[in-house]
Full PDB file with SEQRES, HELIX, SHEET, SSBOND, CRYST1, ORIGX, SCALE, CONECT and MASTER records, all heavy atoms in Angstrom:
SEQRES   1 A   31  ARG GLN HIS ASN ILE TRP SER TYR GLN PRO VAL GLU GLY          
SEQRES   2 A   31  GLU GLY PHE VAL SER ARG PRO LEU ARG PRO ASP ASP ARG          
SEQRES   3 A   31  VAL VAL LEU LYS ASN                                          
CRYST1    1.000    1.000    1.000  90.00  90.00  90.00 P 1           1          
ORIGX1      1.000000  0.000000  0.000000        0.00000                         
ORIGX2      0.000000  1.000000  0.000000        0.00000                         
ORIGX3      0.000000  0.000000  1.000000        0.00000                         
SCALE1      1.000000  0.000000  0.000000        0.00000                         
SCALE2      0.000000  1.000000  0.000000        0.00000                         
SCALE3      0.000000  0.000000  1.000000        0.00000                         
ATOM      1  N   ARG A   1     136.529 260.248  22.528  1.00  0.00           N  
ATOM      2  CA  ARG A   1     137.259 259.622  23.605  1.00  0.00           C  
ATOM      3  C   ARG A   1     138.730 259.785  23.593  1.00  0.00           C  
ATOM      4  O   ARG A   1     139.501 258.978  24.140  1.00  0.00           O  
ATOM      5  CB  ARG A   1     136.932 258.110  23.735  1.00  0.00           C  
ATOM      6  CG  ARG A   1     135.553 257.851  24.068  1.00  0.00           C  
ATOM      7  CD  ARG A   1     135.332 258.239  25.619  1.00  0.00           C  
ATOM      8  NE  ARG A   1     134.066 257.772  26.064  1.00  0.00           N  
ATOM      9  CZ  ARG A   1     133.714 257.429  27.286  1.00  0.00           C  
ATOM     10  NH1 ARG A   1     134.692 257.444  28.266  1.00  0.00           N  
ATOM     11  NH2 ARG A   1     132.621 257.047  27.610  1.00  0.00           N  
ATOM     12  N   GLN A   2     139.201 260.786  22.850  1.00  0.00           N  
ATOM     13  CA  GLN A   2     140.600 261.118  22.889  1.00  0.00           C  
ATOM     14  C   GLN A   2     141.244 261.646  24.181  1.00  0.00           C  
ATOM     15  O   GLN A   2     142.385 261.760  24.509  1.00  0.00           O  
ATOM     16  CB  GLN A   2     141.036 261.919  21.677  1.00  0.00           C  
ATOM     17  CG  GLN A   2     140.894 261.270  20.322  1.00  0.00           C  
ATOM     18  CD  GLN A   2     141.788 260.038  20.158  1.00  0.00           C  
ATOM     19  OE1 GLN A   2     143.040 260.076  20.420  1.00  0.00           O  
ATOM     20  NE2 GLN A   2     141.171 258.977  19.972  1.00  0.00           N  
ATOM     21  N   HIS A   3     140.232 262.345  24.917  1.00  0.00           N  
ATOM     22  CA  HIS A   3     140.624 262.852  26.222  1.00  0.00           C  
ATOM     23  C   HIS A   3     139.552 262.476  27.293  1.00  0.00           C  
ATOM     24  O   HIS A   3     138.367 262.663  26.991  1.00  0.00           O  
ATOM     25  CB  HIS A   3     140.674 264.429  26.156  1.00  0.00           C  
ATOM     26  CG  HIS A   3     141.816 264.866  25.311  1.00  0.00           C  
ATOM     27  ND1 HIS A   3     143.072 264.833  25.692  1.00  0.00           N  
ATOM     28  CD2 HIS A   3     141.818 265.452  23.957  1.00  0.00           C  
ATOM     29  CE1 HIS A   3     143.934 265.354  24.669  1.00  0.00           C  
ATOM     30  NE2 HIS A   3     143.176 265.700  23.735  1.00  0.00           N  
ATOM     31  N   ASN A   4     140.048 262.119  28.354  1.00  0.00           N  
ATOM     32  CA  ASN A   4     139.166 261.763  29.527  1.00  0.00           C  
ATOM     33  C   ASN A   4     139.686 262.336  30.706  1.00  0.00           C  
ATOM     34  O   ASN A   4     140.877 262.133  31.159  1.00  0.00           O  
ATOM     35  CB  ASN A   4     139.186 260.184  29.708  1.00  0.00           C  
ATOM     36  CG  ASN A   4     138.813 259.290  28.513  1.00  0.00           C  
ATOM     37  OD1 ASN A   4     137.736 259.415  28.034  1.00  0.00           O  
ATOM     38  ND2 ASN A   4     139.712 258.597  27.905  1.00  0.00           N  
ATOM     39  N   ILE A   5     138.776 263.182  31.180  1.00  0.00           N  
ATOM     40  CA  ILE A   5     139.226 264.106  32.443  1.00  0.00           C  
ATOM     41  C   ILE A   5     138.474 263.510  33.657  1.00  0.00           C  
ATOM     42  O   ILE A   5     137.287 263.502  33.630  1.00  0.00           O  
ATOM     43  CB  ILE A   5     138.867 265.542  32.173  1.00  0.00           C  
ATOM     44  CG1 ILE A   5     139.485 265.968  30.851  1.00  0.00           C  
ATOM     45  CG2 ILE A   5     139.347 266.348  33.372  1.00  0.00           C  
ATOM     46  CD1 ILE A   5     140.965 266.011  30.825  1.00  0.00           C  
ATOM     47  N   TRP A   6     139.188 263.011  34.542  1.00  0.00           N  
ATOM     48  CA  TRP A   6     138.609 262.354  35.873  1.00  0.00           C  
ATOM     49  C   TRP A   6     138.957 263.333  36.963  1.00  0.00           C  
ATOM     50  O   TRP A   6     139.788 263.985  37.172  1.00  0.00           O  
ATOM     51  CB  TRP A   6     139.398 261.064  36.019  1.00  0.00           C  
ATOM     52  CG  TRP A   6     139.440 260.132  34.928  1.00  0.00           C  
ATOM     53  CD1 TRP A   6     140.230 260.029  33.835  1.00  0.00           C  
ATOM     54  CD2 TRP A   6     138.610 258.927  34.902  1.00  0.00           C  
ATOM     55  NE1 TRP A   6     139.953 258.933  33.081  1.00  0.00           N  
ATOM     56  CE2 TRP A   6     138.929 258.265  33.607  1.00  0.00           C  
ATOM     57  CE3 TRP A   6     137.599 258.415  35.595  1.00  0.00           C  
ATOM     58  CZ2 TRP A   6     138.326 257.077  33.289  1.00  0.00           C  
ATOM     59  CZ3 TRP A   6     136.887 257.205  35.142  1.00  0.00           C  
ATOM     60  CH2 TRP A   6     137.286 256.563  34.103  1.00  0.00           C  
ATOM     61  N   SER A   7     138.050 263.138  37.963  1.00  0.00           N  
ATOM     62  CA  SER A   7     138.196 263.833  39.323  1.00  0.00           C  
ATOM     63  C   SER A   7     137.333 263.292  40.340  1.00  0.00           C  
ATOM     64  O   SER A   7     136.173 262.706  40.003  1.00  0.00           O  
ATOM     65  CB  SER A   7     137.802 265.442  39.065  1.00  0.00           C  
ATOM     66  OG  SER A   7     138.097 266.036  40.252  1.00  0.00           O  
ATOM     67  N   TYR A   8     137.745 263.348  41.642  1.00  0.00           N  
ATOM     68  CA  TYR A   8     136.875 263.012  42.761  1.00  0.00           C  
ATOM     69  C   TYR A   8     136.064 264.321  43.152  1.00  0.00           C  
ATOM     70  O   TYR A   8     135.386 264.206  44.094  1.00  0.00           O  
ATOM     71  CB  TYR A   8     137.748 262.530  43.896  1.00  0.00           C  
ATOM     72  CG  TYR A   8     138.223 261.169  43.748  1.00  0.00           C  
ATOM     73  CD1 TYR A   8     139.670 260.943  43.530  1.00  0.00           C  
ATOM     74  CD2 TYR A   8     137.459 259.959  43.695  1.00  0.00           C  
ATOM     75  CE1 TYR A   8     140.118 259.718  43.437  1.00  0.00           C  
ATOM     76  CE2 TYR A   8     137.934 258.737  43.474  1.00  0.00           C  
ATOM     77  CZ  TYR A   8     139.332 258.553  43.297  1.00  0.00           C  
ATOM     78  OH  TYR A   8     139.843 257.298  43.133  1.00  0.00           O  
ATOM     79  N   GLN A   9     136.220 265.379  42.352  1.00  0.00           N  
ATOM     80  CA  GLN A   9     135.338 266.609  42.607  1.00  0.00           C  
ATOM     81  C   GLN A   9     134.106 266.472  41.790  1.00  0.00           C  
ATOM     82  O   GLN A   9     134.226 266.120  40.558  1.00  0.00           O  
ATOM     83  CB  GLN A   9     136.205 267.749  42.121  1.00  0.00           C  
ATOM     84  CG  GLN A   9     137.508 267.956  42.907  1.00  0.00           C  
ATOM     85  CD  GLN A   9     137.141 268.168  44.418  1.00  0.00           C  
ATOM     86  OE1 GLN A   9     136.513 269.045  44.874  1.00  0.00           O  
ATOM     87  NE2 GLN A   9     137.809 267.395  45.251  1.00  0.00           N  
ATOM     88  N   PRO A  10     132.941 266.854  42.304  1.00  0.00           N  
ATOM     89  CA  PRO A  10     131.688 266.949  41.530  1.00  0.00           C  
ATOM     90  C   PRO A  10     131.743 268.125  40.665  1.00  0.00           C  
ATOM     91  O   PRO A  10     132.557 269.182  40.938  1.00  0.00           O  
ATOM     92  CB  PRO A  10     130.575 267.009  42.606  1.00  0.00           C  
ATOM     93  CG  PRO A  10     131.362 267.529  43.795  1.00  0.00           C  
ATOM     94  CD  PRO A  10     132.610 267.110  43.746  1.00  0.00           C  
ATOM     95  N   VAL A  11     130.902 268.232  39.647  1.00  0.00           N  
ATOM     96  CA  VAL A  11     130.652 269.351  38.777  1.00  0.00           C  
ATOM     97  C   VAL A  11     129.626 270.323  39.494  1.00  0.00           C  
ATOM     98  O   VAL A  11     128.633 269.779  39.973  1.00  0.00           O  
ATOM     99  CB  VAL A  11     130.192 268.953  37.356  1.00  0.00           C  
ATOM    100  CG1 VAL A  11     129.767 270.120  36.581  1.00  0.00           C  
ATOM    101  CG2 VAL A  11     131.175 268.177  36.608  1.00  0.00           C  
ATOM    102  N   GLU A  12     130.007 271.556  39.484  1.00  0.00           N  
ATOM    103  CA  GLU A  12     129.061 272.499  40.227  1.00  0.00           C  
ATOM    104  C   GLU A  12     127.681 272.450  39.520  1.00  0.00           C  
ATOM    105  O   GLU A  12     127.630 272.544  38.258  1.00  0.00           O  
ATOM    106  CB  GLU A  12     129.704 273.926  40.179  1.00  0.00           C  
ATOM    107  CG  GLU A  12     130.862 274.164  41.137  1.00  0.00           C  
ATOM    108  CD  GLU A  12     131.187 275.589  41.311  1.00  0.00           C  
ATOM    109  OE1 GLU A  12     130.593 276.477  40.677  1.00  0.00           O  
ATOM    110  OE2 GLU A  12     132.048 275.889  42.119  1.00  0.00           O  
ATOM    111  N   GLY A  13     126.624 272.292  40.364  1.00  0.00           N  
ATOM    112  CA  GLY A  13     125.336 272.334  39.681  1.00  0.00           C  
ATOM    113  C   GLY A  13     124.880 271.023  39.165  1.00  0.00           C  
ATOM    114  O   GLY A  13     123.649 270.889  38.833  1.00  0.00           O  
ATOM    115  N   GLU A  14     125.816 270.020  39.036  1.00  0.00           N  
ATOM    116  CA  GLU A  14     125.437 268.836  38.382  1.00  0.00           C  
ATOM    117  C   GLU A  14     125.830 267.622  39.365  1.00  0.00           C  
ATOM    118  O   GLU A  14     125.087 266.611  39.167  1.00  0.00           O  
ATOM    119  CB  GLU A  14     126.248 268.601  37.186  1.00  0.00           C  
ATOM    120  CG  GLU A  14     125.719 269.529  36.024  1.00  0.00           C  
ATOM    121  CD  GLU A  14     126.562 269.313  34.820  1.00  0.00           C  
ATOM    122  OE1 GLU A  14     126.517 268.013  34.299  1.00  0.00           O  
ATOM    123  OE2 GLU A  14     127.202 270.119  34.138  1.00  0.00           O  
ATOM    124  N   GLY A  15     126.733 267.763  40.169  1.00  0.00           N  
ATOM    125  CA  GLY A  15     127.214 266.622  41.093  1.00  0.00           C  
ATOM    126  C   GLY A  15     128.175 265.796  40.283  1.00  0.00           C  
ATOM    127  O   GLY A  15     128.850 266.223  39.414  1.00  0.00           O  
ATOM    128  N   PHE A  16     128.232 264.497  40.741  1.00  0.00           N  
ATOM    129  CA  PHE A  16     129.121 263.604  40.072  1.00  0.00           C  
ATOM    130  C   PHE A  16     128.499 263.081  38.733  1.00  0.00           C  
ATOM    131  O   PHE A  16     127.324 262.682  38.736  1.00  0.00           O  
ATOM    132  CB  PHE A  16     129.464 262.345  40.963  1.00  0.00           C  
ATOM    133  CG  PHE A  16     130.315 262.723  42.161  1.00  0.00           C  
ATOM    134  CD1 PHE A  16     129.750 262.676  43.387  1.00  0.00           C  
ATOM    135  CD2 PHE A  16     131.480 263.020  42.182  1.00  0.00           C  
ATOM    136  CE1 PHE A  16     130.473 263.065  44.515  1.00  0.00           C  
ATOM    137  CE2 PHE A  16     132.352 263.381  43.261  1.00  0.00           C  
ATOM    138  CZ  PHE A  16     131.807 263.315  44.437  1.00  0.00           C  
ATOM    139  N   VAL A  17     129.306 263.367  37.702  1.00  0.00           N  
ATOM    140  CA  VAL A  17     128.669 262.858  36.372  1.00  0.00           C  
ATOM    141  C   VAL A  17     129.602 262.183  35.576  1.00  0.00           C  
ATOM    142  O   VAL A  17     130.888 262.192  35.847  1.00  0.00           O  
ATOM    143  CB  VAL A  17     128.363 264.305  35.524  1.00  0.00           C  
ATOM    144  CG1 VAL A  17     127.312 265.022  36.284  1.00  0.00           C  
ATOM    145  CG2 VAL A  17     129.516 265.035  35.320  1.00  0.00           C  
ATOM    146  N   SER A  18     129.219 261.468  34.532  1.00  0.00           N  
ATOM    147  CA  SER A  18     129.961 260.848  33.509  1.00  0.00           C  
ATOM    148  C   SER A  18     129.253 261.233  32.228  1.00  0.00           C  
ATOM    149  O   SER A  18     128.219 260.830  31.998  1.00  0.00           O  
ATOM    150  CB  SER A  18     129.970 259.280  33.625  1.00  0.00           C  
ATOM    151  OG  SER A  18     130.765 258.719  32.622  1.00  0.00           O  
ATOM    152  N   ARG A  19     129.906 262.226  31.455  1.00  0.00           N  
ATOM    153  CA  ARG A  19     129.329 262.720  30.373  1.00  0.00           C  
ATOM    154  C   ARG A  19     130.267 263.369  29.362  1.00  0.00           C  
ATOM    155  O   ARG A  19     131.404 263.697  29.735  1.00  0.00           O  
ATOM    156  CB  ARG A  19     128.263 263.833  30.686  1.00  0.00           C  
ATOM    157  CG  ARG A  19     128.857 265.183  31.332  1.00  0.00           C  
ATOM    158  CD  ARG A  19     127.800 266.213  31.209  1.00  0.00           C  
ATOM    159  NE  ARG A  19     128.100 267.438  31.700  1.00  0.00           N  
ATOM    160  CZ  ARG A  19     128.756 268.456  30.982  1.00  0.00           C  
ATOM    161  NH1 ARG A  19     129.040 268.191  29.784  1.00  0.00           N  
ATOM    162  NH2 ARG A  19     128.996 269.654  31.713  1.00  0.00           N  
ATOM    163  N   PRO A  20     129.844 263.439  28.045  1.00  0.00           N  
ATOM    164  CA  PRO A  20     130.707 264.068  27.088  1.00  0.00           C  
ATOM    165  C   PRO A  20     130.901 265.523  27.251  1.00  0.00           C  
ATOM    166  O   PRO A  20     129.902 266.233  27.826  1.00  0.00           O  
ATOM    167  CB  PRO A  20     130.156 263.701  25.727  1.00  0.00           C  
ATOM    168  CG  PRO A  20     128.631 263.418  25.921  1.00  0.00           C  
ATOM    169  CD  PRO A  20     128.564 262.970  27.478  1.00  0.00           C  
ATOM    170  N   LEU A  21     132.002 266.129  26.833  1.00  0.00           N  
ATOM    171  CA  LEU A  21     132.170 267.562  26.789  1.00  0.00           C  
ATOM    172  C   LEU A  21     131.711 267.961  25.351  1.00  0.00           C  
ATOM    173  O   LEU A  21     131.885 267.270  24.360  1.00  0.00           O  
ATOM    174  CB  LEU A  21     133.542 267.905  26.814  1.00  0.00           C  
ATOM    175  CG  LEU A  21     134.318 267.675  28.218  1.00  0.00           C  
ATOM    176  CD1 LEU A  21     135.879 267.619  28.209  1.00  0.00           C  
ATOM    177  CD2 LEU A  21     133.855 268.709  29.244  1.00  0.00           C  
ATOM    178  N   ARG A  22     130.969 269.046  25.335  1.00  0.00           N  
ATOM    179  CA  ARG A  22     130.427 269.585  24.068  1.00  0.00           C  
ATOM    180  C   ARG A  22     131.393 270.667  23.662  1.00  0.00           C  
ATOM    181  O   ARG A  22     131.997 271.304  24.489  1.00  0.00           O  
ATOM    182  CB  ARG A  22     128.922 270.102  24.237  1.00  0.00           C  
ATOM    183  CG  ARG A  22     128.025 268.932  24.655  1.00  0.00           C  
ATOM    184  CD  ARG A  22     126.622 269.539  24.975  1.00  0.00           C  
ATOM    185  NE  ARG A  22     126.512 270.333  26.239  1.00  0.00           N  
ATOM    186  CZ  ARG A  22     126.571 269.803  27.363  1.00  0.00           C  
ATOM    187  NH1 ARG A  22     126.474 268.507  27.601  1.00  0.00           N  
ATOM    188  NH2 ARG A  22     126.423 270.657  28.484  1.00  0.00           N  
ATOM    189  N   PRO A  23     131.443 270.950  22.361  1.00  0.00           N  
ATOM    190  CA  PRO A  23     132.309 272.092  21.850  1.00  0.00           C  
ATOM    191  C   PRO A  23     131.826 273.284  22.551  1.00  0.00           C  
ATOM    192  O   PRO A  23     130.660 273.614  22.832  1.00  0.00           O  
ATOM    193  CB  PRO A  23     131.925 272.126  20.425  1.00  0.00           C  
ATOM    194  CG  PRO A  23     131.609 270.751  19.986  1.00  0.00           C  
ATOM    195  CD  PRO A  23     130.862 270.247  21.221  1.00  0.00           C  
ATOM    196  N   ASP A  24     132.829 274.113  22.926  1.00  0.00           N  
ATOM    197  CA  ASP A  24     132.679 275.398  23.696  1.00  0.00           C  
ATOM    198  C   ASP A  24     132.205 275.095  25.151  1.00  0.00           C  
ATOM    199  O   ASP A  24     131.642 276.112  25.888  1.00  0.00           O  
ATOM    200  CB  ASP A  24     131.745 276.308  23.063  1.00  0.00           C  
ATOM    201  CG  ASP A  24     132.439 276.737  21.561  1.00  0.00           C  
ATOM    202  OD1 ASP A  24     133.619 276.876  21.539  1.00  0.00           O  
ATOM    203  OD2 ASP A  24     131.607 276.773  20.585  1.00  0.00           O  
ATOM    204  N   ASP A  25     132.281 273.966  25.665  1.00  0.00           N  
ATOM    205  CA  ASP A  25     132.032 273.648  27.116  1.00  0.00           C  
ATOM    206  C   ASP A  25     132.945 274.296  28.013  1.00  0.00           C  
ATOM    207  O   ASP A  25     134.183 274.249  27.738  1.00  0.00           O  
ATOM    208  CB  ASP A  25     131.994 272.040  27.400  1.00  0.00           C  
ATOM    209  CG  ASP A  25     130.597 271.491  27.847  1.00  0.00           C  
ATOM    210  OD1 ASP A  25     129.790 272.310  28.243  1.00  0.00           O  
ATOM    211  OD2 ASP A  25     130.511 270.264  27.890  1.00  0.00           O  
ATOM    212  N   ARG A  26     132.450 274.666  29.093  1.00  0.00           N  
ATOM    213  CA  ARG A  26     133.325 275.182  30.186  1.00  0.00           C  
ATOM    214  C   ARG A  26     132.658 274.752  31.503  1.00  0.00           C  
ATOM    215  O   ARG A  26     131.650 275.164  31.944  1.00  0.00           O  
ATOM    216  CB  ARG A  26     133.158 276.782  30.172  1.00  0.00           C  
ATOM    217  CG  ARG A  26     134.181 277.419  31.211  1.00  0.00           C  
ATOM    218  CD  ARG A  26     134.047 278.969  31.038  1.00  0.00           C  
ATOM    219  NE  ARG A  26     134.946 279.575  32.075  1.00  0.00           N  
ATOM    220  CZ  ARG A  26     134.597 279.814  33.252  1.00  0.00           C  
ATOM    221  NH1 ARG A  26     133.507 279.495  33.783  1.00  0.00           N  
ATOM    222  NH2 ARG A  26     135.412 280.540  34.102  1.00  0.00           N  
ATOM    223  N   VAL A  27     133.428 273.731  32.016  1.00  0.00           N  
ATOM    224  CA  VAL A  27     132.711 272.954  33.281  1.00  0.00           C  
ATOM    225  C   VAL A  27     133.535 273.374  34.486  1.00  0.00           C  
ATOM    226  O   VAL A  27     134.771 273.287  34.405  1.00  0.00           O  
ATOM    227  CB  VAL A  27     132.751 271.425  32.957  1.00  0.00           C  
ATOM    228  CG1 VAL A  27     132.307 270.692  34.214  1.00  0.00           C  
ATOM    229  CG2 VAL A  27     132.000 271.139  31.689  1.00  0.00           C  
ATOM    230  N   VAL A  28     132.937 273.719  35.480  1.00  0.00           N  
ATOM    231  CA  VAL A  28     133.586 274.099  36.722  1.00  0.00           C  
ATOM    232  C   VAL A  28     133.369 272.944  37.822  1.00  0.00           C  
ATOM    233  O   VAL A  28     132.260 272.673  38.137  1.00  0.00           O  
ATOM    234  CB  VAL A  28     132.985 275.470  37.292  1.00  0.00           C  
ATOM    235  CG1 VAL A  28     133.655 275.818  38.581  1.00  0.00           C  
ATOM    236  CG2 VAL A  28     133.115 276.535  36.201  1.00  0.00           C  
ATOM    237  N   LEU A  29     134.472 272.515  38.236  1.00  0.00           N  
ATOM    238  CA  LEU A  29     134.450 271.440  39.348  1.00  0.00           C  
ATOM    239  C   LEU A  29     134.283 272.162  40.715  1.00  0.00           C  
ATOM    240  O   LEU A  29     134.598 273.440  40.846  1.00  0.00           O  
ATOM    241  CB  LEU A  29     135.741 270.628  39.283  1.00  0.00           C  
ATOM    242  CG  LEU A  29     136.060 269.903  38.066  1.00  0.00           C  
ATOM    243  CD1 LEU A  29     137.318 269.018  38.127  1.00  0.00           C  
ATOM    244  CD2 LEU A  29     134.798 268.905  37.786  1.00  0.00           C  
ATOM    245  N   LYS A  30     133.802 271.394  41.766  1.00  0.00           N  
ATOM    246  CA  LYS A  30     133.569 272.012  43.037  1.00  0.00           C  
ATOM    247  C   LYS A  30     134.832 272.719  43.574  1.00  0.00           C  
ATOM    248  O   LYS A  30     134.613 273.638  44.361  1.00  0.00           O  
ATOM    249  CB  LYS A  30     133.189 270.850  43.995  1.00  0.00           C  
ATOM    250  CG  LYS A  30     132.834 271.432  45.330  1.00  0.00           C  
ATOM    251  CD  LYS A  30     132.395 270.319  46.314  1.00  0.00           C  
ATOM    252  CE  LYS A  30     132.197 270.799  47.702  1.00  0.00           C  
ATOM    253  NZ  LYS A  30     131.903 269.712  48.690  1.00  0.00           N  
ATOM    254  N   ASN A  31     136.064 272.236  43.270  1.00  0.00           N  
ATOM    255  CA  ASN A  31     137.241 272.839  43.701  1.00  0.00           C  
ATOM    256  C   ASN A  31     137.561 274.091  43.045  1.00  0.00           C  
ATOM    257  O   ASN A  31     138.626 274.779  43.334  1.00  0.00           O  
ATOM    258  CB  ASN A  31     138.474 271.886  43.730  1.00  0.00           C  
ATOM    259  CG  ASN A  31     138.755 271.461  42.470  1.00  0.00           C  
ATOM    260  OD1 ASN A  31     138.261 271.749  41.475  1.00  0.00           O  
ATOM    261  ND2 ASN A  31     139.849 270.656  42.298  1.00  0.00           N  
TER     262      ASN A  31                                                      
MASTER        0    0    0    0    0    0    0    6  261    1    0    3          
END                                                                             
């Protein structure tokens, strides 16, 4: 919880989520 990234944009392929980032994660927002 040292970094919290917020957006009104959903995650591509997932929608709106609240979840941890995993090491080597690369998440693309709708924008």
